Amino acid sequence: MYLYIGPGLGVATIVLVIVILFLVLSSLIIVSIRPIKRGVAYLKNLLNGNK
């Protein structure tokens, strides 16, 4: 019975993994916003005939 960690620690581990995944995904999205915005602006200028 020394290896039994109980149900609380298992739930905490699952929540911790979900939080870490959320942080990683949100940081990737935040880092990729600027290039996406620049690409959209480039396409707008290209379609409008401006350079």
N, C-alpha and C. Protein backbone atom coordinates (compact mmCIF):
# COMPACT_ATOMS: atom_id res chain seq x y z
N MET A 1 0.81 -1.21 0.00
CA MET A 1 0.00 0.00 0.00
C MET A 1 0.84 1.26 0.00
N TYR A 2 2.15 1.13 -0.05
CA TYR A 2 2.98 2.32 -0.05
C TYR A 2 2.90 3.09 -1.37
N LEU A 3 2.53 2.42 -2.46
CA LEU A 3 2.50 3.07 -3.76
C LEU A 3 1.16 3.74 -4.05
N TYR A 4 0.19 3.61 -3.18
CA TYR A 4 -1.11 4.22 -3.39
C TYR A 4 -1.03 5.71 -3.12
N ILE A 5 -1.39 6.53 -4.14
CA ILE A 5 -1.28 7.98 -3.98
C ILE A 5 -2.63 8.63 -3.78
N GLY A 6 -3.68 7.87 -3.90
CA GLY A 6 -5.01 8.42 -3.66
C GLY A 6 -5.59 9.09 -4.89
N PRO A 7 -6.88 9.32 -4.86
CA PRO A 7 -7.54 9.91 -6.03
C PRO A 7 -7.23 11.40 -6.20
N GLY A 8 -6.94 12.10 -5.11
CA GLY A 8 -6.71 13.54 -5.20
C GLY A 8 -5.47 13.88 -5.99
N LEU A 9 -4.41 13.14 -5.80
CA LEU A 9 -3.16 13.42 -6.51
C LEU A 9 -3.30 13.10 -7.99
N GLY A 10 -4.08 12.10 -8.33
CA GLY A 10 -4.30 11.79 -9.74
C GLY A 10 -5.06 12.89 -10.45
N VAL A 11 -6.08 13.44 -9.79
CA VAL A 11 -6.85 14.54 -10.37
C VAL A 11 -5.97 15.77 -10.50
N ALA A 12 -5.14 16.04 -9.50
CA ALA A 12 -4.26 17.20 -9.55
C ALA A 12 -3.25 17.06 -10.69
N THR A 13 -2.78 15.86 -10.94
CA THR A 13 -1.84 15.63 -12.03
C THR A 13 -2.52 15.90 -13.37
N ILE A 14 -3.73 15.44 -13.54
CA ILE A 14 -4.46 15.67 -14.78
C ILE A 14 -4.69 17.16 -14.99
N VAL A 15 -5.10 17.86 -13.95
CA VAL A 15 -5.33 19.30 -14.06
C VAL A 15 -4.03 20.02 -14.39
N LEU A 16 -2.93 19.63 -13.78
CA LEU A 16 -1.64 20.25 -14.04
C LEU A 16 -1.21 20.04 -15.49
N VAL A 17 -1.40 18.86 -16.01
CA VAL A 17 -1.05 18.59 -17.41
C VAL A 17 -1.91 19.44 -18.34
N ILE A 18 -3.19 19.59 -18.04
CA ILE A 18 -4.08 20.41 -18.87
C ILE A 18 -3.66 21.87 -18.83
N VAL A 19 -3.29 22.37 -17.66
CA VAL A 19 -2.84 23.76 -17.53
C VAL A 19 -1.56 23.99 -18.31
N ILE A 20 -0.62 23.06 -18.24
CA ILE A 20 0.64 23.20 -18.97
C ILE A 20 0.38 23.18 -20.47
N LEU A 21 -0.48 22.29 -20.95
CA LEU A 21 -0.81 22.26 -22.37
C LEU A 21 -1.47 23.55 -22.81
N PHE A 22 -2.36 24.10 -21.98
CA PHE A 22 -3.01 25.36 -22.30
C PHE A 22 -1.99 26.49 -22.40
N LEU A 23 -1.04 26.53 -21.48
CA LEU A 23 -0.01 27.57 -21.52
C LEU A 23 0.87 27.46 -22.76
N VAL A 24 1.24 26.26 -23.13
CA VAL A 24 2.06 26.07 -24.31
C VAL A 24 1.31 26.47 -25.57
N LEU A 25 0.06 26.04 -25.70
CA LEU A 25 -0.72 26.38 -26.89
C LEU A 25 -1.01 27.87 -26.97
N SER A 26 -1.33 28.49 -25.85
CA SER A 26 -1.60 29.92 -25.88
C SER A 26 -0.35 30.72 -26.20
N SER A 27 0.81 30.30 -25.72
CA SER A 27 2.04 31.01 -26.04
C SER A 27 2.38 30.86 -27.52
N LEU A 28 2.14 29.70 -28.10
CA LEU A 28 2.37 29.54 -29.54
C LEU A 28 1.43 30.42 -30.35
N ILE A 29 0.19 30.54 -29.92
CA ILE A 29 -0.76 31.40 -30.63
C ILE A 29 -0.34 32.86 -30.52
N ILE A 30 0.07 33.29 -29.34
CA ILE A 30 0.48 34.68 -29.14
C ILE A 30 1.72 35.00 -29.97
N VAL A 31 2.66 34.08 -30.05
CA VAL A 31 3.87 34.31 -30.83
C VAL A 31 3.56 34.36 -32.32
N SER A 32 2.58 33.60 -32.77
CA SER A 32 2.29 33.55 -34.20
C SER A 32 1.31 34.61 -34.68
N ILE A 33 0.78 35.44 -33.78
CA ILE A 33 -0.18 36.46 -34.20
C ILE A 33 0.47 37.50 -35.10
N ARG A 34 1.66 37.97 -34.74
CA ARG A 34 2.32 39.04 -35.52
C ARG A 34 2.59 38.62 -36.96
N PRO A 35 3.18 37.46 -37.23
CA PRO A 35 3.38 37.08 -38.62
C PRO A 35 2.06 36.92 -39.39
N ILE A 36 1.03 36.44 -38.72
CA ILE A 36 -0.26 36.28 -39.39
C ILE A 36 -0.83 37.65 -39.75
N LYS A 37 -0.73 38.62 -38.83
CA LYS A 37 -1.23 39.96 -39.11
C LYS A 37 -0.43 40.60 -40.25
N ARG A 38 0.89 40.39 -40.26
CA ARG A 38 1.70 40.95 -41.34
C ARG A 38 1.34 40.31 -42.68
N GLY A 39 1.07 39.01 -42.67
CA GLY A 39 0.68 38.33 -43.90
C GLY A 39 -0.66 38.81 -44.43
N VAL A 40 -1.61 39.05 -43.53
CA VAL A 40 -2.91 39.57 -43.95
C VAL A 40 -2.76 40.97 -44.52
N ALA A 41 -1.95 41.80 -43.89
CA ALA A 41 -1.72 43.16 -44.39
C ALA A 41 -1.04 43.11 -45.76
N TYR A 42 -0.10 42.20 -45.92
CA TYR A 42 0.58 42.05 -47.21
C TYR A 42 -0.41 41.64 -48.30
N LEU A 43 -1.27 40.69 -47.99
CA LEU A 43 -2.27 40.26 -48.97
C LEU A 43 -3.26 41.37 -49.31
N LYS A 44 -3.67 42.15 -48.29
CA LYS A 44 -4.56 43.29 -48.55
C LYS A 44 -3.90 44.29 -49.49
N ASN A 45 -2.64 44.63 -49.21
CA ASN A 45 -1.94 45.57 -50.07
C ASN A 45 -1.75 45.01 -51.48
N LEU A 46 -1.50 43.73 -51.57
CA LEU A 46 -1.29 43.10 -52.86
C LEU A 46 -2.59 43.10 -53.68
N LEU A 47 -3.71 42.84 -53.03
CA LEU A 47 -4.99 42.81 -53.73
C LEU A 47 -5.49 44.20 -54.10
N ASN A 48 -5.13 45.21 -53.29
CA ASN A 48 -5.55 46.58 -53.57
C ASN A 48 -4.66 47.27 -54.58
N GLY A 49 -3.56 46.66 -54.96
CA GLY A 49 -2.66 47.26 -55.94
C GLY A 49 -1.59 48.12 -55.33
N ASN A 50 -1.55 48.25 -54.04
CA ASN A 50 -0.50 49.03 -53.37
C ASN A 50 0.71 48.15 -53.15
N LYS A 51 1.86 48.78 -53.07
CA LYS A 51 3.03 47.97 -52.80
C LYS A 51 3.90 48.52 -51.74
